[in-house]
Every structure is written in structure tokens, then in C-alpha cells.
Amino acid sequence: MYRPVIACPHLSRLKLFGGAVLDAASGPITGRAAQRHRVALLALLATTKRLHHSRDQLMTLLWPNADAERGRKLLSDSIYRINQALGGDAVTGTAEDIRLNRSRLSTDVADFDGAVDERDWRRVVELYDGPLLDGFYLPGSPEFDQWMEIERAKYARNVGKALEALANDAHQAGKPEEALDWWQRYSTLAPDGSRVATELMRVLDADQLAKRREVVASMSPRCNSIAVLPFNNVTGSDAHAHLADVLSEELMDALTRTPGLHVASRTSAFAYRGSGMDVRDVARRLRVAWILEGSVRRSGRTLRVAAQLTDASNGYQVWSDTVDHISTEDHPVEAEIAREILGRLAAAMGGRFAVQRGMLMRERSAGNCVEMAAS
């Protein structure tokens, strides 16, 4: 609802976007100076780039039902009341023309027009607090209402032009979220604009695509990630099955202590025991780039452990070796075998697991890895 506020005596600014307010340091002025026709007169004088309006034009818009003599009297009285309230010659005129003294009264609409001329689009949007004279009406003057609607539409078009320019600038700068924000603001200004809606949907689709890519990237395996699957017991003995599990756990533990290497948990990796799944599918589910697996076989006192490393991106085996150990019941060798396997693997792959040049830590050219290991 319109609530006219005029502040002074040292008038500083007239604000017309979002309502009608005259700001000054001494506080608001009420009474005759804040009467609707006086506010309407100031709005008419402020919203044109021309310095003056003819008296006849002003009377027609403000008092369409008054005869010429009464219209001139009402206009003169309004000018007097405004200047008296503002403490100076804020509104001046000749016998035929009336003008606003802009050196005494600054206005947001004049600043807005200047920003449009300078293509300062952010300033344009900043100045626009809402429709011109929002909630204002002038009883008995349909001519003024028609003028007001035309002016409102003009300023709204310029705001739309500014918002579109800002959205396009943000898009060109590679800032989709900012572009989306400008288009959303434009859509609230022109909710029925089909082109604005089309642009908004286009940016939304692009933003959603970018977010989907981020999700995919977050789900991609790290290049420095590995899973140790439970080693197979090929002897069929339950006792040797326990030995195979212990060896797998020793390998996991040693790899976990390797700086920069991410190792799938025992629970996750052991869930695929005997699954028969393709190693690439297992790696995808565990979100790892490498799979270490093997088998355990005992022949007398000799414990033979075979191990192989698979590149999960293509399913190719990139390394394999066999370790033989003499074991006794009172001398467990699982930890020793684990160290030997990792030592041989590191030597074959270019050195220590955590070095960046090592094959386990390399960056995939196919883009299915999302980070490099720290050196």
C-alpha cells in the first residue's frame, strides 16, 4: 500500500522505485506537502530526461476534471506547498513550463537513467527496488494511471535488459551459478516471458549437468586406491583357508600404512569372496583403481603364494609373482610373505608405492581417476 513520506527541511533525495519517499536528515514531513497530487507532480517532473513539463500537460494528468483556471490554481498551490515543505526552490517554473531543480533534489530514477546510458548494469539492478510508485494511485485521474503504467513498463524493460546482460556476462566468464541467479531474478520480473523461461531452463540444465559431472567425479576411483581381495586357498584345507585370510589382512595392513594410498576395508573387500564377478565390476563397486589378488598353496613345509595386480580400468594384469616360504607351526610367516610380495611389487613398478611416478599412482589419461598420489 502507498504511504507517502516526505523528509526534509534540507531535502536530499526523491525515491520512486518501490514506492514514493523523500529522504532528508531532519525526518519525514506530513500534511499538505505529502498529499498525493504533490507526490504525483514530483514523480512527473522526475521521470523525464527533459528539464521541464508544460503546465497544461501537468494539469491534464493531475486534475483532468478541473477547468483551466482551477487547474492552474491547484498546480500553483502544489508547487508552493512543496517548496515551503522543502525549504527552497525545488520546483521552479515560468508562465508555461514547470521544472524540477535537480541540483537541489536528486532522484533514483535520474541515477537509473544515467546507469542505463553508461551500461552500468549492476548499478541499474541495484537502484531498482520495485515497480515505479509501487502501490500508488491518484483518485479521479485515469490519465495519470495510464502514464504511470507506461513508465513502469519502461523501467522494467531496462531492468530486464540489465539482468540479461549480467547473465550473459556471467555465462561468458564461466560462472553458471551466477548466471542462473541473474536469470532467476529476470524470471520474477517477467514470469510470463517465454524467452526468459527458455534461457532459465537452459542454464538450469547446464548447472545440473555440471553437478552430475561433479557427482560422477566424486564416485570415480582415486588413482592411488587399491583393494586386496581374499586370497584363494587352493589346498581345500580349512586350516590353510585361515592362513590365506591372514595373509590378505597382512597385505591390507601394510598397504594402509603406505603414505597416500587408499585401501578398501576388509569388510568391503572380503564381501566379494567367491563372487565370480569380473574384476572390473568389483573395482567399480569398491571405487578403486587397482585389485591385488592371489592364491595360497602348501606342499609339505613349503608355502607357495602367488599374487597378481590388475588394472581395474581395463582388466589387464600388469604384474604377477610367486613367493615360496618354508613354514612351521611355531614360526608364522604371513607377515614376512606380505612384506616380500609388496617389496617385489614396488621394485617391479618403479619403486615405493607412494612415489608419484609409480604405476600404482599414475594419472589415467582416460580420465577415470580423480587425483594423484602425494609424493
Protein backbone atom coordinates (compact mmCIF):
# COMPACT_ATOMS: atom_id res chain seq x y z
CA MET A 1 0.00 0.00 0.00
CA TYR A 2 1.24 3.50 -0.85
CA ARG A 3 2.40 5.53 2.16
CA PRO A 4 3.83 8.90 1.07
CA VAL A 5 6.79 10.03 3.11
CA ILE A 6 8.49 13.37 2.58
CA ALA A 7 11.61 14.15 4.58
CA CYS A 8 13.40 17.50 4.96
CA PRO A 9 13.93 20.55 5.56
CA HIS A 10 17.26 20.03 3.74
CA LEU A 11 15.89 17.78 1.02
CA SER A 12 18.38 15.34 -0.39
CA ARG A 13 16.68 12.63 -2.40
CA LEU A 14 13.45 11.52 -4.02
CA LYS A 15 12.95 7.77 -4.27
CA LEU A 16 10.24 6.45 -6.60
CA PHE A 17 11.12 2.78 -7.14
CA GLY A 18 9.11 0.56 -4.84
CA GLY A 19 7.00 3.47 -3.58
CA ALA A 20 7.45 7.22 -3.07
CA VAL A 21 9.86 8.56 -0.43
CA LEU A 22 11.64 11.88 0.03
CA ASP A 23 14.64 11.46 2.32
CA ALA A 24 16.31 14.16 4.41
CA ALA A 25 18.24 14.33 7.64
CA SER A 26 15.50 16.04 9.66
CA GLY A 27 12.92 13.28 9.30
CA PRO A 28 9.60 12.88 7.48
CA ILE A 29 7.16 15.64 6.60
CA THR A 30 3.43 15.03 6.77
CA GLY A 31 0.40 17.11 5.98
CA ARG A 32 -0.31 19.02 2.82
CA ALA A 33 3.16 18.58 1.35
CA ALA A 34 2.67 14.80 1.39
CA GLN A 35 -0.71 14.94 -0.37
CA ARG A 36 -0.99 12.52 -3.30
CA HIS A 37 -1.20 15.14 -6.04
CA ARG A 38 2.05 16.76 -4.83
CA VAL A 39 3.85 13.41 -4.86
CA ALA A 40 2.42 12.73 -8.32
CA LEU A 41 3.67 16.13 -9.51
CA LEU A 42 7.21 15.36 -8.30
CA ALA A 43 7.07 11.95 -9.99
CA LEU A 44 6.03 13.52 -13.31
CA LEU A 45 8.88 16.04 -13.13
CA ALA A 46 11.48 13.45 -12.07
CA THR A 47 10.79 10.72 -14.62
CA THR A 48 11.69 12.59 -17.76
CA LYS A 49 15.05 13.47 -19.24
CA ARG A 50 13.58 16.76 -20.34
CA LEU A 51 14.13 19.53 -17.83
CA HIS A 52 10.55 20.77 -17.89
CA HIS A 53 6.86 19.95 -18.39
CA SER A 54 4.21 22.30 -19.73
CA ARG A 55 1.64 23.49 -17.22
CA ASP A 56 -1.20 22.31 -19.44
CA GLN A 57 0.23 18.79 -19.65
CA LEU A 58 0.65 18.59 -15.89
CA MET A 59 -2.87 19.84 -15.23
CA THR A 60 -4.32 17.33 -17.68
CA LEU A 61 -2.60 14.44 -15.94
CA LEU A 62 -3.18 15.57 -12.36
CA TRP A 63 -6.61 17.27 -12.46
CA PRO A 64 -8.33 16.12 -15.66
CA ASN A 65 -11.79 17.22 -14.49
CA ALA A 66 -10.78 20.76 -13.48
CA ASP A 67 -11.21 23.72 -15.81
CA ALA A 68 -8.15 25.72 -16.88
CA GLU A 69 -8.43 28.34 -14.16
CA ARG A 70 -8.92 25.87 -11.34
CA GLY A 71 -6.22 23.59 -12.73
CA ARG A 72 -3.66 26.40 -12.74
CA LYS A 73 -4.60 27.36 -9.19
CA LEU A 74 -4.23 23.77 -7.97
CA LEU A 75 -0.85 23.45 -9.71
CA SER A 76 0.46 26.71 -8.28
CA ASP A 77 -0.70 25.75 -4.81
CA SER A 78 1.03 22.37 -5.08
CA ILE A 79 4.31 23.99 -6.14
CA TYR A 80 4.06 26.41 -3.23
CA ARG A 81 3.34 23.62 -0.68
CA ILE A 82 6.25 21.50 -1.94
CA ASN A 83 8.76 24.36 -1.89
CA GLN A 84 7.55 25.51 1.51
CA ALA A 85 7.99 22.00 2.92
CA LEU A 86 11.39 21.54 1.30
CA GLY A 87 12.69 24.93 2.31
CA GLY A 88 13.66 26.16 -1.13
CA ASP A 89 13.01 26.24 -4.85
CA ALA A 90 12.93 22.52 -5.54
CA VAL A 91 10.22 23.11 -8.16
CA THR A 92 10.50 26.18 -10.35
CA GLY A 93 8.72 27.44 -13.45
CA THR A 94 7.82 30.07 -15.94
CA ALA A 95 4.44 31.12 -17.21
CA GLU A 96 4.22 27.98 -19.35
CA ASP A 97 6.76 25.45 -18.07
CA ILE A 98 7.48 23.74 -14.75
CA ARG A 99 10.77 22.04 -13.91
CA LEU A 100 12.47 20.14 -11.11
CA ASN A 101 15.59 21.73 -9.70
CA ARG A 102 17.83 18.66 -9.81
CA SER A 103 20.70 20.46 -8.16
CA ARG A 104 18.57 20.53 -5.00
CA LEU A 105 16.79 17.23 -5.38
CA SER A 106 18.48 14.04 -6.51
CA THR A 107 16.31 11.12 -7.62
CA ASP A 108 16.76 7.40 -8.02
CA VAL A 109 15.11 7.49 -11.45
CA ALA A 110 17.65 10.01 -12.74
CA ASP A 111 20.50 7.87 -11.41
CA PHE A 112 18.85 4.84 -13.01
CA ASP A 113 18.65 6.52 -16.41
CA GLY A 114 22.29 7.55 -16.11
CA ALA A 115 23.35 3.99 -15.29
CA VAL A 116 21.43 2.69 -18.33
CA ASP A 117 23.17 5.23 -20.58
CA GLU A 118 26.55 4.13 -19.19
CA ARG A 119 25.61 0.43 -19.42
CA ASP A 120 26.41 0.05 -15.74
CA TRP A 121 24.10 -2.93 -15.40
CA ARG A 122 24.88 -3.77 -11.78
CA ARG A 123 24.07 -0.22 -10.77
CA VAL A 124 20.81 -0.41 -12.71
CA VAL A 125 19.74 -3.53 -10.82
CA GLU A 126 20.91 -2.08 -7.52
CA LEU A 127 18.77 1.06 -7.95
CA TYR A 128 15.62 -0.81 -8.87
CA ASP A 129 13.81 -1.62 -5.60
CA GLY A 130 10.49 -2.42 -7.25
CA PRO A 131 7.99 -1.01 -9.74
CA LEU A 132 7.80 2.74 -10.13
CA LEU A 133 5.43 4.23 -7.50
CA ASP A 134 4.51 0.74 -6.36
CA GLY A 135 1.04 0.76 -4.72
CA PHE A 136 0.41 4.40 -5.64
CA TYR A 137 -2.80 5.63 -7.25
CA LEU A 138 -4.32 9.01 -7.94
CA PRO A 139 -8.13 9.20 -7.47
CA GLY A 140 -10.09 10.59 -10.36
CA SER A 141 -7.18 10.64 -12.81
CA PRO A 142 -7.12 7.70 -15.23
CA GLU A 143 -4.73 9.70 -17.41
CA PHE A 144 -2.13 9.67 -14.64
CA ASP A 145 -2.65 5.94 -14.06
CA GLN A 146 -2.08 5.30 -17.76
CA TRP A 147 1.09 7.38 -17.74
CA MET A 148 2.30 5.53 -14.63
CA GLU A 149 1.78 2.09 -16.24
CA ILE A 150 3.73 3.16 -19.33
CA GLU A 151 6.60 4.43 -17.20
CA ARG A 152 6.61 1.30 -15.04
CA ALA A 153 6.89 -0.88 -18.14
CA LYS A 154 9.73 1.25 -19.50
CA TYR A 155 11.79 0.92 -16.34
CA ALA A 156 11.03 -2.79 -16.05
CA ARG A 157 12.29 -3.33 -19.61
CA ASN A 158 15.55 -1.63 -18.77
CA VAL A 159 15.96 -3.77 -15.66
CA GLY A 160 15.33 -6.85 -17.78
CA LYS A 161 17.96 -5.66 -20.24
CA ALA A 162 20.40 -5.23 -17.36
CA LEU A 163 19.67 -8.67 -15.88
CA GLU A 164 20.08 -10.35 -19.26
CA ALA A 165 23.39 -8.60 -19.83
CA LEU A 166 24.63 -9.65 -16.40
CA ALA A 167 23.51 -13.25 -17.00
CA ASN A 168 25.31 -13.37 -20.34
CA ASP A 169 28.45 -11.84 -18.85
CA ALA A 170 28.44 -14.45 -16.07
CA HIS A 171 27.97 -17.23 -18.63
CA GLN A 172 30.87 -15.94 -20.72
CA ALA A 173 33.02 -15.78 -17.58
CA GLY A 174 32.29 -19.44 -16.79
CA LYS A 175 30.14 -18.71 -13.75
CA PRO A 176 26.99 -20.82 -14.27
CA GLU A 177 25.64 -20.35 -10.74
CA GLU A 178 25.84 -16.56 -11.04
CA ALA A 179 24.23 -16.68 -14.49
CA LEU A 180 21.46 -18.83 -13.06
CA ASP A 181 20.85 -16.29 -10.29
CA TRP A 182 20.51 -13.40 -12.78
CA TRP A 183 18.09 -15.37 -14.98
CA GLN A 184 16.02 -16.34 -11.95
CA ARG A 185 15.76 -12.69 -10.95
CA TYR A 186 14.74 -11.85 -14.50
CA SER A 187 12.05 -14.57 -14.43
CA THR A 188 10.47 -13.00 -11.33
CA LEU A 189 10.40 -9.68 -13.15
CA ALA A 190 8.79 -11.20 -16.26
CA PRO A 191 7.23 -14.50 -15.14
CA ASP A 192 5.33 -14.89 -18.42
CA GLY A 193 8.32 -14.27 -20.66
CA SER A 194 8.83 -17.40 -22.76
CA ARG A 195 12.35 -16.47 -23.84
CA VAL A 196 13.40 -15.80 -20.26
CA ALA A 197 11.93 -19.15 -19.24
CA THR A 198 13.83 -20.86 -22.07
CA GLU A 199 17.12 -19.28 -21.02
CA LEU A 200 16.45 -20.17 -17.40
CA MET A 201 15.84 -23.81 -18.29
CA ARG A 202 18.96 -23.88 -20.45
CA VAL A 203 21.13 -22.61 -17.61
CA LEU A 204 19.41 -24.94 -15.15
CA ASP A 205 20.15 -27.90 -17.43
CA ALA A 206 23.77 -26.83 -17.75
CA ASP A 207 24.04 -26.37 -13.98
CA GLN A 208 22.50 -29.78 -13.34
CA LEU A 209 24.89 -31.32 -15.87
CA ALA A 210 27.84 -29.73 -14.10
CA LYS A 211 26.56 -31.07 -10.78
CA ARG A 212 26.10 -34.53 -12.27
CA ARG A 213 29.68 -34.40 -13.50
CA GLU A 214 30.82 -33.49 -10.01
CA VAL A 215 28.92 -36.47 -8.62
CA VAL A 216 30.48 -38.77 -11.21
CA ALA A 217 33.90 -37.40 -10.39
CA SER A 218 33.29 -37.93 -6.68
CA MET A 219 32.34 -41.54 -7.42
CA SER A 220 35.35 -42.19 -9.67
CA PRO A 221 38.19 -44.22 -8.23
CA ARG A 222 41.27 -42.47 -6.97
CA CYS A 223 44.35 -43.43 -8.96
CA ASN A 224 46.08 -44.24 -5.68
CA SER A 225 43.45 -46.68 -4.44
CA ILE A 226 43.57 -50.44 -4.15
CA ALA A 227 41.59 -53.40 -2.84
CA VAL A 228 43.11 -56.64 -1.61
CA LEU A 229 40.67 -59.46 -2.31
CA PRO A 230 40.78 -62.55 -0.07
CA PHE A 231 43.46 -64.89 -1.35
CA ASN A 232 42.19 -68.25 -2.60
CA ASN A 233 43.00 -71.38 -0.67
CA VAL A 234 43.69 -73.92 -3.38
CA THR A 235 44.54 -76.79 -0.99
CA GLY A 236 40.98 -77.25 0.28
CA SER A 237 42.08 -77.38 3.91
CA ASP A 238 40.23 -75.22 6.45
CA ALA A 239 43.49 -74.51 8.26
CA HIS A 240 45.02 -73.17 5.05
CA ALA A 241 41.89 -71.08 4.45
CA HIS A 242 42.62 -69.25 7.69
CA LEU A 243 46.22 -68.77 6.60
CA ALA A 244 45.04 -67.25 3.28
CA ASP A 245 42.80 -64.78 5.12
CA VAL A 246 45.59 -63.77 7.50
CA LEU A 247 47.93 -63.18 4.54
CA SER A 248 45.33 -60.97 2.84
CA GLU A 249 44.90 -58.97 6.05
CA GLU A 250 48.67 -58.56 6.41
CA LEU A 251 48.83 -57.16 2.88
CA MET A 252 45.97 -54.76 3.64
CA ASP A 253 47.65 -53.60 6.82
CA ALA A 254 50.96 -52.97 5.10
CA LEU A 255 49.33 -51.08 2.24
CA THR A 256 47.27 -48.97 4.64
CA ARG A 257 50.50 -47.70 6.20
CA THR A 258 51.76 -46.59 2.77
CA PRO A 259 51.50 -42.76 2.56
CA GLY A 260 49.00 -41.51 0.01
CA LEU A 261 47.46 -44.88 -0.72
CA HIS A 262 43.75 -45.58 -0.13
CA VAL A 263 42.89 -49.17 0.71
CA ALA A 264 39.42 -50.70 0.64
CA SER A 265 38.32 -52.04 4.03
CA ARG A 266 38.48 -55.74 4.89
CA THR A 267 34.70 -55.98 5.20
CA SER A 268 34.15 -54.42 1.77
CA ALA A 269 36.83 -56.44 0.00
CA PHE A 270 36.03 -59.80 1.65
CA ALA A 271 32.37 -59.42 0.64
CA TYR A 272 33.43 -60.46 -2.88
CA ARG A 273 34.96 -63.76 -1.82
CA GLY A 274 34.00 -66.36 -4.40
CA SER A 275 31.63 -63.97 -6.18
CA GLY A 276 32.92 -64.88 -9.62
CA MET A 277 32.41 -61.25 -10.70
CA ASP A 278 34.61 -59.60 -13.30
CA VAL A 279 37.45 -57.82 -11.54
CA ARG A 280 36.44 -54.56 -13.24
CA ASP A 281 32.97 -54.76 -11.73
CA VAL A 282 34.41 -55.45 -8.29
CA ALA A 283 36.74 -52.46 -8.61
CA ARG A 284 33.89 -50.22 -9.75
CA ARG A 285 31.79 -51.17 -6.74
CA LEU A 286 34.70 -50.71 -4.36
CA ARG A 287 35.71 -47.47 -6.15
CA VAL A 288 39.35 -48.49 -6.51
CA ALA A 289 41.78 -48.33 -9.42
CA TRP A 290 43.75 -51.48 -8.63
CA ILE A 291 42.99 -55.00 -7.48
CA LEU A 292 45.53 -57.23 -5.71
CA GLU A 293 44.56 -60.89 -5.51
CA GLY A 294 46.25 -64.26 -5.32
CA SER A 295 46.29 -67.80 -4.04
CA VAL A 296 47.89 -69.89 -1.30
CA ARG A 297 49.14 -73.47 -1.75
CA ARG A 298 51.06 -75.66 0.69
CA SER A 299 53.20 -78.60 -0.29
CA GLY A 300 54.79 -80.16 2.78
CA ARG A 301 56.58 -77.41 4.64
CA THR A 302 56.69 -75.16 1.58
CA LEU A 303 54.11 -72.39 1.39
CA ARG A 304 53.69 -71.02 -2.12
CA VAL A 305 51.88 -67.72 -2.55
CA ALA A 306 51.02 -66.39 -5.99
CA ALA A 307 49.96 -62.73 -6.31
CA GLN A 308 48.83 -60.56 -9.22
CA LEU A 309 47.95 -56.92 -9.69
CA THR A 310 45.16 -55.91 -12.11
CA ASP A 311 44.49 -52.52 -13.65
CA ALA A 312 40.76 -52.06 -12.99
CA SER A 313 40.30 -49.63 -15.88
CA ASN A 314 40.77 -52.36 -18.46
CA GLY A 315 41.02 -55.66 -16.57
CA TYR A 316 44.59 -56.28 -17.70
CA GLN A 317 47.03 -57.98 -15.33
CA VAL A 318 50.09 -55.72 -15.00
CA TRP A 319 52.19 -57.74 -12.55
CA SER A 320 52.40 -61.20 -11.04
CA ASP A 321 54.94 -63.12 -8.96
CA THR A 322 55.29 -66.18 -6.74
CA VAL A 323 56.83 -66.36 -3.29
CA ASP A 324 57.93 -69.61 -1.64
CA HIS A 325 58.49 -69.90 2.10
CA ILE A 326 59.31 -72.70 4.47
CA SER A 327 56.89 -72.54 7.35
CA THR A 328 56.45 -74.28 10.66
CA GLU A 329 53.62 -74.15 13.16
CA ASP A 330 55.75 -72.24 15.69
CA HIS A 331 57.00 -69.72 13.14
CA PRO A 332 54.18 -67.86 11.29
CA VAL A 333 55.41 -66.39 8.04
CA GLU A 334 52.37 -64.42 6.80
CA ALA A 335 53.83 -61.01 7.69
CA GLU A 336 57.18 -61.92 6.08
CA ILE A 337 55.45 -63.08 2.90
CA ALA A 338 53.35 -59.91 2.78
CA ARG A 339 56.46 -57.74 3.04
CA GLU A 340 58.22 -59.73 0.34
CA ILE A 341 55.25 -59.52 -2.04
CA LEU A 342 54.98 -55.76 -1.61
CA GLY A 343 58.73 -55.35 -1.99
CA ARG A 344 58.76 -57.25 -5.26
CA LEU A 345 55.69 -55.33 -6.48
CA ALA A 346 57.24 -51.96 -5.65
CA ALA A 347 60.51 -52.91 -7.33
CA ALA A 348 58.72 -54.03 -10.47
CA MET A 349 56.57 -50.90 -10.57
CA GLY A 350 59.34 -48.35 -10.23
CA GLY A 351 59.95 -48.17 -6.52
CA ARG A 352 57.99 -47.36 -3.39
CA PHE A 353 54.17 -47.41 -3.69
CA ALA A 354 53.71 -43.80 -2.65
CA VAL A 355 56.00 -42.23 -5.26
CA GLN A 356 54.15 -40.32 -7.92
CA ARG A 357 55.96 -41.96 -10.83
CA GLY A 358 55.00 -45.43 -9.68
CA MET A 359 52.45 -47.19 -11.85
CA LEU A 360 50.03 -47.56 -8.97
CA MET A 361 49.97 -43.81 -8.58
CA ARG A 362 49.92 -42.73 -12.20
CA GLU A 363 47.26 -40.41 -13.66
CA ARG A 364 44.90 -42.12 -16.06
CA SER A 365 44.71 -40.43 -19.47
CA ALA A 366 41.19 -41.83 -19.88
CA GLY A 367 40.04 -39.59 -17.05
CA ASN A 368 38.68 -42.34 -14.81
CA CYS A 369 40.89 -41.33 -11.89
CA VAL A 370 40.30 -38.13 -9.96
CA GLU A 371 43.55 -37.43 -8.18
CA MET A 372 47.25 -38.16 -7.98
CA ALA A 373 49.11 -39.55 -5.04
CA ALA A 374 51.12 -37.19 -2.87
CA SER A 375 54.82 -37.67 -3.34
